[in-house]
Amino acid sequence: MLGLIGVSGTAWLINTYAPGQPVHLVVFFVAVFVSCFFLFLFLLNNVRRSTLVSLGVVLYLILRYLNLRQSYYIVLLIASLASLEIALRKR
């Protein structure tokens, strides 16, 4: 439920405010992270994995905002998140 509320709140934020000021960008990325976190928490039922996937989504959007659209960045992002998953796994 919180994920759907977060998605609708993020959509309202996008339609209401222009991304000209840094404060609006920070609020947007935090809202995207929170809504993705709760959606992936519902789907995956694992806090660590939902945090990593949400972080990956936000980092991908930041890379797109900075016009870094080469495929190497996506591969590096996936490799970094996979290595974090392996490092944080409990044994």
Protein backbone atom coordinates (compact mmCIF):
# COMPACT_ATOMS: atom_id res chain seq x y z
CA MET A 1 0.00 0.00 0.00
CA LEU A 2 2.82 2.41 0.86
CA GLY A 3 4.49 1.71 -2.47
CA LEU A 4 1.39 2.67 -4.43
CA ILE A 5 0.95 5.81 -2.34
CA GLY A 6 4.59 6.64 -3.00
CA VAL A 7 4.20 6.17 -6.74
CA SER A 8 1.14 8.44 -6.83
CA GLY A 9 2.94 11.00 -4.65
CA THR A 10 5.95 10.92 -6.95
CA ALA A 11 3.69 11.40 -9.98
CA TRP A 12 2.08 14.39 -8.27
CA LEU A 13 5.55 15.80 -7.48
CA ILE A 14 6.63 15.44 -11.12
CA ASN A 15 3.50 17.17 -12.42
CA THR A 16 3.57 19.98 -9.84
CA TYR A 17 7.20 21.10 -9.61
CA ALA A 18 9.78 21.66 -12.32
CA PRO A 19 13.17 19.99 -11.79
CA GLY A 20 15.05 23.31 -11.90
CA GLN A 21 16.03 23.53 -8.24
CA PRO A 22 18.32 21.04 -6.47
CA VAL A 23 15.85 20.67 -3.60
CA HIS A 24 13.18 19.35 -5.97
CA LEU A 25 15.65 16.86 -7.44
CA VAL A 26 16.61 15.54 -4.01
CA VAL A 27 12.97 15.19 -2.99
CA PHE A 28 12.22 13.41 -6.27
CA PHE A 29 15.02 10.88 -5.85
CA VAL A 30 14.12 10.24 -2.21
CA ALA A 31 10.47 9.74 -3.18
CA VAL A 32 11.46 7.33 -5.96
CA PHE A 33 13.70 5.40 -3.56
CA VAL A 34 10.99 5.11 -0.89
CA SER A 35 8.26 4.07 -3.30
CA CYS A 36 10.54 1.53 -5.05
CA PHE A 37 11.68 0.22 -1.68
CA PHE A 38 8.15 -0.53 -0.51
CA LEU A 39 7.11 -2.03 -3.85
CA PHE A 40 10.13 -4.31 -3.99
CA LEU A 41 9.73 -5.14 -0.31
CA PHE A 42 6.26 -6.40 -1.12
CA LEU A 43 7.48 -8.35 -4.17
CA LEU A 44 10.74 -9.77 -2.78
CA ASN A 45 9.92 -9.98 0.94
CA ASN A 46 13.57 -9.20 1.75
CA VAL A 47 14.76 -5.85 3.13
CA ARG A 48 18.36 -6.14 1.91
CA ARG A 49 17.46 -7.04 -1.67
CA SER A 50 14.72 -4.44 -1.90
CA THR A 51 17.16 -1.79 -0.65
CA LEU A 52 19.76 -2.79 -3.22
CA VAL A 53 17.27 -2.87 -6.10
CA SER A 54 15.82 0.50 -5.08
CA LEU A 55 19.31 1.94 -4.82
CA GLY A 56 20.03 0.59 -8.28
CA VAL A 57 16.91 2.23 -9.70
CA VAL A 58 17.79 5.59 -8.14
CA LEU A 59 21.42 5.41 -9.27
CA TYR A 60 20.28 4.54 -12.79
CA LEU A 61 17.97 7.56 -12.82
CA ILE A 62 20.80 9.77 -11.56
CA LEU A 63 23.03 8.49 -14.35
CA ARG A 64 20.29 9.25 -16.88
CA TYR A 65 19.88 12.74 -15.43
CA LEU A 66 23.63 13.36 -15.83
CA ASN A 67 23.44 12.18 -19.49
CA LEU A 68 25.60 9.11 -18.84
CA ARG A 69 23.74 6.74 -21.13
CA GLN A 70 26.45 4.35 -22.29
CA SER A 71 25.87 0.66 -21.68
CA TYR A 72 29.10 0.42 -19.67
CA TYR A 73 27.52 2.37 -16.82
CA ILE A 74 24.60 -0.03 -16.62
CA VAL A 75 26.94 -3.02 -16.60
CA LEU A 76 29.07 -1.42 -13.87
CA LEU A 77 25.98 -0.60 -11.83
CA ILE A 78 24.66 -4.16 -12.04
CA ALA A 79 28.09 -5.59 -11.20
CA SER A 80 28.44 -3.27 -8.21
CA LEU A 81 25.01 -4.15 -6.86
CA ALA A 82 25.64 -7.87 -7.37
CA SER A 83 28.94 -7.63 -5.51
CA LEU A 84 27.24 -5.75 -2.67
CA GLU A 85 24.61 -8.50 -2.50
CA ILE A 86 27.33 -11.14 -2.26
CA ALA A 87 29.27 -9.14 0.34
CA LEU A 88 26.24 -8.51 2.54
CA ARG A 89 24.89 -12.05 2.38
CA LYS A 90 24.80 -13.82 5.73
CA ARG A 91 26.51 -17.15 5.92
